[in-house]
Amino acid sequence: MDVHHQLQIRQMQINLNTIASRKMNMYQKLSHRLSCLTLAGALTFAAAAVSAQGMDADPSATKIDTEIRQELEARLKEITADDHAHDIAIEEGRARTVLCKTCHGADGKSVREGTPNLAAQNPAYIVDQFERFKDGRRNDFLMTNLAQTFNKEDMLKIALFYSDLPEQTFGGGKTELIPLGKEIFAERCASCHGENGRSDEGYARLAGQRPDYVVKMLNEFKMQSGKRVNPWMTGVALSLSQRDMEAIAAYLANKD
């Protein structure tokens, strides 16, 4: 890698850290207020705070985000409606996952700790997460830099490739907590992620997901580190103990 390339990457990292630091400061202030509210009140306050900052809220919460998601889903349907175009898109998506399989596995089943399964994932959700890595709403050095190399069509094709793979059940976790996890998931998660963990509404499909990844993400939302920005998920995560998170993770990891 030449010096110019190294400097570019370094500057990108500085910019991302600056964005993350600003978001973290805002959410630290928000956390203090959230701790004094009921969960329902916390969610309402969080939404108002984010809106006031001009940041994107939950994908289904505002008209503009709903329109963007609908536009994305329409484009995906356009591709999948033509079998030939769909097959080509999947193959082109596969060709763009040379680096992805290092962590996410050739079959979409995670091979690296703390990394999610992507097989059978909601394609609209995958594209949305690419966009979040790209614009700084989600922060991970490797994924953020990788997202910069993809245009929208690349993202769509990669998403279609992974969504077409058979679902993978990771298993594991603290299996003795599965009954508790099932109860908590039904109460606090199912309305968005689906009763069976397989949402078709633009949210993540969580059935079979790697348990350490689920716990990791819930903790990122709870700690408001700036790595993930979503006030609704922060509100939910703040109400969960570590045991609750492990229970949800075990339930999902063993759901087939």
Foldseek 3Di string as FASTA:
>chain_A
DDPVVVVVLVVVVVVLVVLLVVQLVLVVVLLVVLVVDDLVVSLVVLVVSCVVVVHDAPLVPDPVSVVVLVVLVVVLCVQVVDVVSLVVLLVLLLVLCPVVCVALNSLQNGPDFLDKRQALKQLLLQLVVLVCLCVNQADDSVSNVSSVVDDSSNSSSNSSNRSPGDDAQQADFPLVLQVVLLVLCCVQPCVQCNNLQNDNPSDTRQARIQLSNQLVVLVCLCSSSSNHDYSSSNSSSVVDDSSNSRNNSNNRSRRD
